[in-house]
PDB file of N, CA and C in Angstrom:
ATOM      1  N   MET A   1     -30.483-147.229-141.277  1.00  0.00           N
ATOM      2  CA  MET A   1     -31.847-147.558-141.128  1.00  0.00           C
ATOM      3  C   MET A   1     -32.795-146.671-141.970  1.00  0.00           C
ATOM      4  N   LEU A   2     -32.457-145.503-141.804  1.00  0.00           N
ATOM      5  CA  LEU A   2     -33.314-144.411-142.468  1.00  0.00           C
ATOM      6  C   LEU A   2     -33.195-144.715-143.915  1.00  0.00           C
ATOM      7  N   LEU A   3     -32.159-145.077-144.462  1.00  0.00           N
ATOM      8  CA  LEU A   3     -31.979-145.457-145.874  1.00  0.00           C
ATOM      9  C   LEU A   3     -32.831-146.593-146.257  1.00  0.00           C
ATOM     10  N   LEU A   4     -32.780-147.561-145.566  1.00  0.00           N
ATOM     11  CA  LEU A   4     -33.815-148.820-145.869  1.00  0.00           C
ATOM     12  C   LEU A   4     -35.200-148.271-145.832  1.00  0.00           C
ATOM     13  N   ILE A   5     -35.492-147.613-144.939  1.00  0.00           N
ATOM     14  CA  ILE A   5     -36.934-147.092-144.890  1.00  0.00           C
ATOM     15  C   ILE A   5     -37.253-146.314-146.207  1.00  0.00           C
ATOM     16  N   LEU A   6     -36.446-145.345-146.466  1.00  0.00           N
ATOM     17  CA  LEU A   6     -36.548-144.388-147.638  1.00  0.00           C
ATOM     18  C   LEU A   6     -36.673-145.405-148.977  1.00  0.00           C
ATOM     19  N   ILE A   7     -35.727-146.434-149.078  1.00  0.00           N
ATOM     20  CA  ILE A   7     -35.676-147.378-150.340  1.00  0.00           C
ATOM     21  C   ILE A   7     -37.092-148.192-150.231  1.00  0.00           C
ATOM     22  N   MET A   8     -37.632-148.547-149.198  1.00  0.00           N
ATOM     23  CA  MET A   8     -38.988-149.174-149.233  1.00  0.00           C
ATOM     24  C   MET A   8     -40.029-148.271-149.602  1.00  0.00           C
ATOM     25  N   VAL A   9     -40.000-147.128-149.163  1.00  0.00           N
ATOM     26  CA  VAL A   9     -41.024-146.118-149.436  1.00  0.00           C
ATOM     27  C   VAL A   9     -40.960-145.853-151.042  1.00  0.00           C
ATOM     28  N   ILE A  10     -39.839-145.562-151.501  1.00  0.00           N
ATOM     29  CA  ILE A  10     -39.652-145.521-152.810  1.00  0.00           C
ATOM     30  C   ILE A  10     -40.352-146.753-153.595  1.00  0.00           C
ATOM     31  N   GLY A  11     -39.870-147.868-153.269  1.00  0.00           N
ATOM     32  CA  GLY A  11     -40.492-149.163-153.900  1.00  0.00           C
ATOM     33  C   GLY A  11     -42.069-149.060-153.706  1.00  0.00           C
ATOM     34  N   ILE A  12     -42.638-148.690-152.689  1.00  0.00           N
ATOM     35  CA  ILE A  12     -44.097-148.795-152.541  1.00  0.00           C
ATOM     36  C   ILE A  12     -44.755-147.629-153.646  1.00  0.00           C
ATOM     37  N   VAL A  13     -44.126-146.656-153.644  1.00  0.00           N
ATOM     38  CA  VAL A  13     -44.526-145.578-154.579  1.00  0.00           C
ATOM     39  C   VAL A  13     -44.562-146.005-155.978  1.00  0.00           C
ATOM     40  N   VAL A  14     -43.426-146.452-156.370  1.00  0.00           N
ATOM     41  CA  VAL A  14     -43.060-147.245-157.682  1.00  0.00           C
ATOM     42  C   VAL A  14     -44.292-148.092-157.945  1.00  0.00           C
ATOM     43  N   GLY A  15     -44.325-149.081-157.035  1.00  0.00           N
ATOM     44  CA  GLY A  15     -45.181-150.157-157.024  1.00  0.00           C
ATOM     45  C   GLY A  15     -46.669-149.656-157.365  1.00  0.00           C
ATOM     46  N   TYR A  16     -46.918-148.749-156.682  1.00  0.00           N
ATOM     47  CA  TYR A  16     -48.341-148.248-156.765  1.00  0.00           C
ATOM     48  C   TYR A  16     -48.558-147.652-158.251  1.00  0.00           C
ATOM     49  N   PHE A  17     -47.745-147.035-158.681  1.00  0.00           N
ATOM     50  CA  PHE A  17     -47.929-146.467-160.149  1.00  0.00           C
ATOM     51  C   PHE A  17     -47.762-147.420-161.339  1.00  0.00           C
ATOM     52  N   LEU A  18     -46.997-148.600-160.963  1.00  0.00           N
ATOM     53  CA  LEU A  18     -46.912-149.720-161.928  1.00  0.00           C
ATOM     54  C   LEU A  18     -47.696-150.846-161.462  1.00  0.00           C
ATOM     55  N   ARG A  19     -48.617-150.767-160.790  1.00  0.00           N
ATOM     56  CA  ARG A  19     -49.502-152.036-160.263  1.00  0.00           C
ATOM     57  C   ARG A  19     -50.260-152.690-161.508  1.00  0.00           C
ATOM     58  N   ASN A  20     -50.486-151.864-162.587  1.00  0.00           N
ATOM     59  CA  ASN A  20     -51.423-152.421-163.572  1.00  0.00           C
ATOM     60  C   ASN A  20     -50.543-153.029-164.764  1.00  0.00           C
ATOM     61  N   CYS A  21     -49.144-152.914-164.598  1.00  0.00           N
ATOM     62  CA  CYS A  21     -48.368-153.396-165.763  1.00  0.00           C
ATOM     63  C   CYS A  21     -47.988-154.868-165.459  1.00  0.00           C
ATOM     64  N   GLN A  22     -48.803-155.828-166.198  1.00  0.00           N
ATOM     65  CA  GLN A  22     -48.722-157.155-165.970  1.00  0.00           C
ATOM     66  C   GLN A  22     -47.173-157.914-166.166  1.00  0.00           C
ATOM     67  N   LYS A  23     -46.576-157.147-167.229  1.00  0.00           N
ATOM     68  CA  LYS A  23     -45.194-157.715-167.467  1.00  0.00           C
ATOM     69  C   LYS A  23     -44.345-157.477-166.335  1.00  0.00           C
ATOM     70  N   ILE A  24     -44.284-156.388-165.805  1.00  0.00           N
ATOM     71  CA  ILE A  24     -43.445-156.010-164.597  1.00  0.00           C
ATOM     72  C   ILE A  24     -43.878-156.865-163.418  1.00  0.00           C
ATOM     73  N   ILE A  25     -45.194-156.954-163.221  1.00  0.00           N
ATOM     74  CA  ILE A  25     -45.534-158.080-162.124  1.00  0.00           C
ATOM     75  C   ILE A  25     -45.090-159.324-162.150  1.00  0.00           C
ATOM     76  N   HIS A  26     -45.006-159.931-163.375  1.00  0.00           N
ATOM     77  CA  HIS A  26     -44.553-161.151-163.703  1.00  0.00           C
ATOM     78  C   HIS A  26     -43.125-161.320-163.478  1.00  0.00           C
ATOM     79  N   VAL A  27     -42.290-160.378-163.881  1.00  0.00           N
ATOM     80  CA  VAL A  27     -40.918-160.255-163.586  1.00  0.00           C
ATOM     81  C   VAL A  27     -40.724-160.203-162.267  1.00  0.00           C
ATOM     82  N   ASN A  28     -41.377-159.384-161.378  1.00  0.00           N
ATOM     83  CA  ASN A  28     -41.161-159.202-160.150  1.00  0.00           C
ATOM     84  C   ASN A  28     -41.316-160.432-159.339  1.00  0.00           C
ATOM     85  N   ASN A  29     -42.529-161.224-159.729  1.00  0.00           N
ATOM     86  CA  ASN A  29     -42.634-162.423-158.975  1.00  0.00           C
ATOM     87  C   ASN A  29     -41.516-163.385-159.282  1.00  0.00           C
ATOM     88  N   LYS A  30     -40.921-163.426-160.478  1.00  0.00           N
ATOM     89  CA  LYS A  30     -40.015-164.355-160.713  1.00  0.00           C
ATOM     90  C   LYS A  30     -38.460-164.092-160.028  1.00  0.00           C
ATOM     91  N   LEU A  31     -38.451-162.671-159.906  1.00  0.00           N
ATOM     92  CA  LEU A  31     -37.286-162.212-159.077  1.00  0.00           C
ATOM     93  C   LEU A  31     -37.533-162.491-157.590  1.00  0.00           C
ATOM     94  N   THR A  32     -38.665-162.278-157.080  1.00  0.00           N
ATOM     95  CA  THR A  32     -38.850-162.582-155.614  1.00  0.00           C
ATOM     96  C   THR A  32     -38.637-164.027-155.468  1.00  0.00           C
ATOM     97  N   THR A  33     -39.092-165.064-156.194  1.00  0.00           N
ATOM     98  CA  THR A  33     -39.012-166.380-155.983  1.00  0.00           C
ATOM     99  C   THR A  33     -37.605-166.845-155.997  1.00  0.00           C
ATOM    100  N   GLY A  34     -36.837-166.240-157.153  1.00  0.00           N
ATOM    101  CA  GLY A  34     -35.317-166.483-156.970  1.00  0.00           C
ATOM    102  C   GLY A  34     -34.506-166.002-155.939  1.00  0.00           C
ATOM    103  N   SER A  35     -35.049-164.729-155.630  1.00  0.00           N
ATOM    104  CA  SER A  35     -34.380-164.283-154.267  1.00  0.00           C
ATOM    105  C   SER A  35     -34.372-165.254-152.994  1.00  0.00           C
ATOM    106  N   ILE A  36     -35.758-165.598-152.903  1.00  0.00           N
ATOM    107  CA  ILE A  36     -36.236-166.482-151.742  1.00  0.00           C
ATOM    108  C   ILE A  36     -35.275-167.927-151.802  1.00  0.00           C
ATOM    109  N   PHE A  37     -35.112-168.268-152.997  1.00  0.00           N
ATOM    110  CA  PHE A  37     -34.598-169.582-153.165  1.00  0.00           C
ATOM    111  C   PHE A  37     -32.954-169.360-152.998  1.00  0.00           C
ATOM    112  N   LEU A  38     -32.215-168.281-153.320  1.00  0.00           N
ATOM    113  CA  LEU A  38     -31.064-167.983-152.978  1.00  0.00           C
ATOM    114  C   LEU A  38     -30.845-167.802-151.497  1.00  0.00           C
ATOM    115  N   LEU A  39     -31.674-167.129-150.906  1.00  0.00           N
ATOM    116  CA  LEU A  39     -31.623-166.813-149.475  1.00  0.00           C
ATOM    117  C   LEU A  39     -31.586-168.234-148.523  1.00  0.00           C
ATOM    118  N   LEU A  40     -32.538-169.071-149.081  1.00  0.00           N
ATOM    119  CA  LEU A  40     -32.587-170.313-148.332  1.00  0.00           C
ATOM    120  C   LEU A  40     -31.236-171.161-148.655  1.00  0.00           C
ATOM    121  N   PHE A  41     -30.673-171.332-149.762  1.00  0.00           N
ATOM    122  CA  PHE A  41     -29.512-171.752-149.953  1.00  0.00           C
ATOM    123  C   PHE A  41     -28.357-171.284-149.164  1.00  0.00           C
ATOM    124  N   VAL A  42     -28.285-169.911-149.078  1.00  0.00           N
ATOM    125  CA  VAL A  42     -27.198-169.267-148.383  1.00  0.00           C
ATOM    126  C   VAL A  42     -27.497-169.595-146.754  1.00  0.00           C
ATOM    127  N   LEU A  43     -28.710-169.707-146.473  1.00  0.00           N
ATOM    128  CA  LEU A  43     -29.014-170.066-144.941  1.00  0.00           C
ATOM    129  C   LEU A  43     -28.572-171.371-144.717  1.00  0.00           C
ATOM    130  N   GLY A  44     -29.026-172.282-145.742  1.00  0.00           N
ATOM    131  CA  GLY A  44     -28.587-173.740-145.380  1.00  0.00           C
ATOM    132  C   GLY A  44     -27.061-174.018-145.622  1.00  0.00           C
ATOM    133  N   TYR A  45     -26.382-173.231-146.448  1.00  0.00           N
ATOM    134  CA  TYR A  45     -24.848-173.259-146.470  1.00  0.00           C
ATOM    135  C   TYR A  45     -24.236-172.994-145.179  1.00  0.00           C
ATOM    136  N   GLY A  46     -24.698-171.631-144.552  1.00  0.00           N
ATOM    137  CA  GLY A  46     -24.255-171.267-143.245  1.00  0.00           C
ATOM    138  C   GLY A  46     -24.453-172.158-142.088  1.00  0.00           C
ATOM    139  N   VAL A  47     -25.743-173.011-142.360  1.00  0.00           N
ATOM    140  CA  VAL A  47     -25.858-173.952-141.320  1.00  0.00           C
ATOM    141  C   VAL A  47     -24.797-175.199-141.431  1.00  0.00           C
ATOM    142  N   GLY A  48     -24.832-175.500-142.714  1.00  0.00           N
ATOM    143  CA  GLY A  48     -23.843-176.673-142.863  1.00  0.00           C
ATOM    144  C   GLY A  48     -22.517-176.416-142.740  1.00  0.00           C
ATOM    145  N   VAL A  49     -22.040-175.220-142.663  1.00  0.00           N
ATOM    146  CA  VAL A  49     -20.398-175.178-142.421  1.00  0.00           C
ATOM    147  C   VAL A  49     -20.137-175.024-141.030  1.00  0.00           C
ATOM    148  N   ASP A  50     -21.220-174.715-140.234  1.00  0.00           N
ATOM    149  CA  ASP A  50     -21.111-174.377-138.669  1.00  0.00           C
ATOM    150  C   ASP A  50     -20.795-175.756-137.957  1.00  0.00           C
ATOM    151  N   PRO A  51     -19.794-176.319-137.616  1.00  0.00           N
ATOM    152  CA  PRO A  51     -19.674-177.673-136.986  1.00  0.00           C
ATOM    153  C   PRO A  51     -20.344-177.674-135.781  1.00  0.00           C
ATOM    154  N   MET A  52     -20.698-176.631-134.914  1.00  0.00           N
ATOM    155  CA  MET A  52     -21.319-176.875-133.842  1.00  0.00           C
ATOM    156  C   MET A  52     -22.960-177.054-134.142  1.00  0.00           C
ATOM    157  N   ILE A  53     -23.497-176.582-135.028  1.00  0.00           N
ATOM    158  CA  ILE A  53     -24.825-176.759-135.584  1.00  0.00           C
ATOM    159  C   ILE A  53     -24.952-178.224-135.931  1.00  0.00           C
ATOM    160  N   VAL A  54     -23.936-178.516-136.738  1.00  0.00           N
ATOM    161  CA  VAL A  54     -24.058-179.951-137.443  1.00  0.00           C
ATOM    162  C   VAL A  54     -23.946-181.032-136.397  1.00  0.00           C
ATOM    163  N   SER A  55     -23.205-180.698-135.289  1.00  0.00           N
ATOM    164  CA  SER A  55     -23.003-181.931-134.396  1.00  0.00           C
ATOM    165  C   SER A  55     -24.196-181.840-133.418  1.00  0.00           C
ATOM    166  N   ASN A  56     -25.025-180.659-133.449  1.00  0.00           N
ATOM    167  CA  ASN A  56     -26.056-180.765-132.454  1.00  0.00           C
ATOM    168  C   ASN A  56     -27.320-180.800-133.200  1.00  0.00           C
ATOM    169  N   PHE A  57     -27.279-181.213-134.486  1.00  0.00           N
ATOM    170  CA  PHE A  57     -28.402-181.095-135.483  1.00  0.00           C
ATOM    171  C   PHE A  57     -29.651-181.784-134.871  1.00  0.00           C
ATOM    172  N   PHE A  58     -29.729-183.040-134.377  1.00  0.00           N
ATOM    173  CA  PHE A  58     -30.844-183.574-134.055  1.00  0.00           C
ATOM    174  C   PHE A  58     -31.544-183.152-132.793  1.00  0.00           C
ATOM    175  N   GLU A  59     -30.586-182.671-131.809  1.00  0.00           N
ATOM    176  CA  GLU A  59     -31.184-181.983-130.775  1.00  0.00           C
ATOM    177  C   GLU A  59     -31.837-180.571-131.136  1.00  0.00           C
ATOM    178  N   LEU A  60     -31.165-179.717-131.841  1.00  0.00           N
ATOM    179  CA  LEU A  60     -31.849-178.735-132.481  1.00  0.00           C
ATOM    180  C   LEU A  60     -33.087-178.913-133.094  1.00  0.00           C
ATOM    181  N   GLY A  61     -33.025-179.975-133.829  1.00  0.00           N
ATOM    182  CA  GLY A  61     -34.245-180.282-134.781  1.00  0.00           C
ATOM    183  C   GLY A  61     -35.526-180.854-133.784  1.00  0.00           C
ATOM    184  N   LYS A  62     -35.205-181.436-132.724  1.00  0.00           N
ATOM    185  CA  LYS A  62     -36.346-181.811-131.559  1.00  0.00           C
ATOM    186  C   LYS A  62     -36.903-180.557-131.133  1.00  0.00           C
ATOM    187  N   ASP A  63     -36.003-179.592-130.753  1.00  0.00           N
ATOM    188  CA  ASP A  63     -36.334-178.373-130.206  1.00  0.00           C
ATOM    189  C   ASP A  63     -37.289-177.403-131.182  1.00  0.00           C
ATOM    190  N   ALA A  64     -36.731-177.477-132.387  1.00  0.00           N
ATOM    191  CA  ALA A  64     -37.558-176.758-133.564  1.00  0.00           C
ATOM    192  C   ALA A  64     -38.883-177.278-133.687  1.00  0.00           C
ATOM    193  N   ILE A  65     -38.944-178.738-133.746  1.00  0.00           N
ATOM    194  CA  ILE A  65     -40.171-179.277-133.985  1.00  0.00           C
ATOM    195  C   ILE A  65     -41.298-179.114-132.789  1.00  0.00           C
ATOM    196  N   LEU A  66     -40.751-178.967-131.498  1.00  0.00           N
ATOM    197  CA  LEU A  66     -41.608-178.820-130.407  1.00  0.00           C
ATOM    198  C   LEU A  66     -42.017-177.298-130.382  1.00  0.00           C
ATOM    199  N   LEU A  67     -41.239-176.323-130.733  1.00  0.00           N
ATOM    200  CA  LEU A  67     -41.377-175.012-130.858  1.00  0.00           C
ATOM    201  C   LEU A  67     -42.505-174.713-131.911  1.00  0.00           C
ATOM    202  N   THR A  68     -42.298-175.443-133.121  1.00  0.00           N
ATOM    203  CA  THR A  68     -43.218-175.193-134.117  1.00  0.00           C
ATOM    204  C   THR A  68     -44.613-175.807-133.875  1.00  0.00           C
ATOM    205  N   ILE A  69     -44.812-176.816-133.233  1.00  0.00           N
ATOM    206  CA  ILE A  69     -45.946-177.356-132.774  1.00  0.00           C
ATOM    207  C   ILE A  69     -46.825-176.509-131.733  1.00  0.00           C
ATOM    208  N   ALA A  70     -45.928-175.924-130.695  1.00  0.00           N
ATOM    209  CA  ALA A  70     -46.411-175.124-129.771  1.00  0.00           C
ATOM    210  C   ALA A  70     -46.923-173.761-130.431  1.00  0.00           C
ATOM    211  N   ALA A  71     -46.127-173.256-131.412  1.00  0.00           N
ATOM    212  CA  ALA A  71     -46.710-172.068-132.106  1.00  0.00           C
ATOM    213  C   ALA A  71     -47.891-172.124-132.837  1.00  0.00           C
ATOM    214  N   VAL A  72     -48.049-173.136-133.679  1.00  0.00           N
ATOM    215  CA  VAL A  72     -49.370-173.401-134.391  1.00  0.00           C
ATOM    216  C   VAL A  72     -50.524-173.698-133.351  1.00  0.00           C
ATOM    217  N   ALA A  73     -50.266-174.586-132.440  1.00  0.00           N
ATOM    218  CA  ALA A  73     -51.345-174.913-131.469  1.00  0.00           C
ATOM    219  C   ALA A  73     -51.829-173.590-130.769  1.00  0.00           C
ATOM    220  N   GLY A  74     -50.754-172.888-130.312  1.00  0.00           N
ATOM    221  CA  GLY A  74     -51.298-171.550-129.739  1.00  0.00           C
ATOM    222  C   GLY A  74     -51.921-170.588-130.668  1.00  0.00           C
ATOM    223  N   SER A  75     -51.524-170.650-131.909  1.00  0.00           N
ATOM    224  CA  SER A  75     -52.145-169.741-132.934  1.00  0.00           C
ATOM    225  C   SER A  75     -53.639-170.173-133.057  1.00  0.00           C
ATOM    226  N   VAL A  76     -53.725-171.425-133.308  1.00  0.00           N
ATOM    227  CA  VAL A  76     -55.016-172.140-133.569  1.00  0.00           C
ATOM    228  C   VAL A  76     -56.008-171.758-132.412  1.00  0.00           C
ATOM    229  N   PHE A  77     -55.317-171.973-131.230  1.00  0.00           N
ATOM    230  CA  PHE A  77     -56.246-171.754-129.930  1.00  0.00           C
ATOM    231  C   PHE A  77     -56.840-170.333-129.985  1.00  0.00           C
ATOM    232  N   PHE A  78     -55.749-169.375-130.181  1.00  0.00           N
ATOM    233  CA  PHE A  78     -56.125-167.855-129.884  1.00  0.00           C
ATOM    234  C   PHE A  78     -57.056-167.560-131.127  1.00  0.00           C
ATOM    235  N   VAL A  79     -56.992-167.871-132.360  1.00  0.00           N
ATOM    236  CA  VAL A  79     -57.866-167.716-133.253  1.00  0.00           C
ATOM    237  C   VAL A  79     -59.283-168.134-133.070  1.00  0.00           C
ATOM    238  N   ARG A  80     -59.415-169.163-132.678  1.00  0.00           N
ATOM    239  CA  ARG A  80     -60.742-169.808-132.146  1.00  0.00           C
ATOM    240  C   ARG A  80     -61.326-168.863-131.015  1.00  0.00           C
ATOM    241  N   VAL A  81     -60.570-168.602-130.049  1.00  0.00           N
ATOM    242  CA  VAL A  81     -60.941-167.666-128.995  1.00  0.00           C
ATOM    243  C   VAL A  81     -61.475-166.310-129.613  1.00  0.00           C
ATOM    244  N   ILE A  82     -60.730-165.760-130.409  1.00  0.00           N
ATOM    245  CA  ILE A  82     -61.148-164.471-130.856  1.00  0.00           C
ATOM    246  C   ILE A  82     -62.381-164.629-131.860  1.00  0.00           C
ATOM    247  N   GLU A  83     -62.317-165.608-132.628  1.00  0.00           N
ATOM    248  CA  GLU A  83     -63.359-165.922-133.548  1.00  0.00           C
ATOM    249  C   GLU A  83     -64.722-165.918-132.770  1.00  0.00           C
ATOM    250  N   LYS A  84     -64.818-166.772-131.849  1.00  0.00           N
ATOM    251  CA  LYS A  84     -65.906-166.846-131.062  1.00  0.00           C
ATOM    252  C   LYS A  84     -66.476-165.687-130.332  1.00  0.00           C
ATOM    253  N   LYS A  85     -65.308-164.957-129.816  1.00  0.00           N
ATOM    254  CA  LYS A  85     -65.710-163.665-129.081  1.00  0.00           C
ATOM    255  C   LYS A  85     -66.144-162.443-130.033  1.00  0.00           C
ATOM    256  N   TYR A  86     -65.633-162.343-131.217  1.00  0.00           N
ATOM    257  CA  TYR A  86     -65.830-161.242-131.935  1.00  0.00           C
ATOM    258  C   TYR A  86     -66.602-161.594-133.255  1.00  0.00           C
ATOM    259  N   PHE A  87     -66.571-162.855-133.740  1.00  0.00           N
ATOM    260  CA  PHE A  87     -67.188-162.953-134.996  1.00  0.00           C
ATOM    261  C   PHE A  87     -68.343-163.929-135.120  1.00  0.00           C
ATOM    262  N   LEU A  88     -68.893-164.580-133.943  1.00  0.00           N
ATOM    263  CA  LEU A  88     -69.891-165.505-133.974  1.00  0.00           C
ATOM    264  C   LEU A  88     -70.763-165.025-132.887  1.00  0.00           C
TER     265      LEU A  88
END
């Protein structure tokens, strides 16, 4: 865990000093996008090879949709409450 924190801090320091180098920023954006696509593919593969998930796919999908709707509705509600209380 400490090693991960150290690596992140080193990345922050390097990023701070190279923040004005547009070529590095462009390459970093491409690498980040590619990494996200790769992670999504690996996650999808992991779901696809698990027979328990595949057999319960629609049931899990209904639960996921309900959870998403509840999370978005709760976020919108609390943002409105906080906005009215502190910003209006």
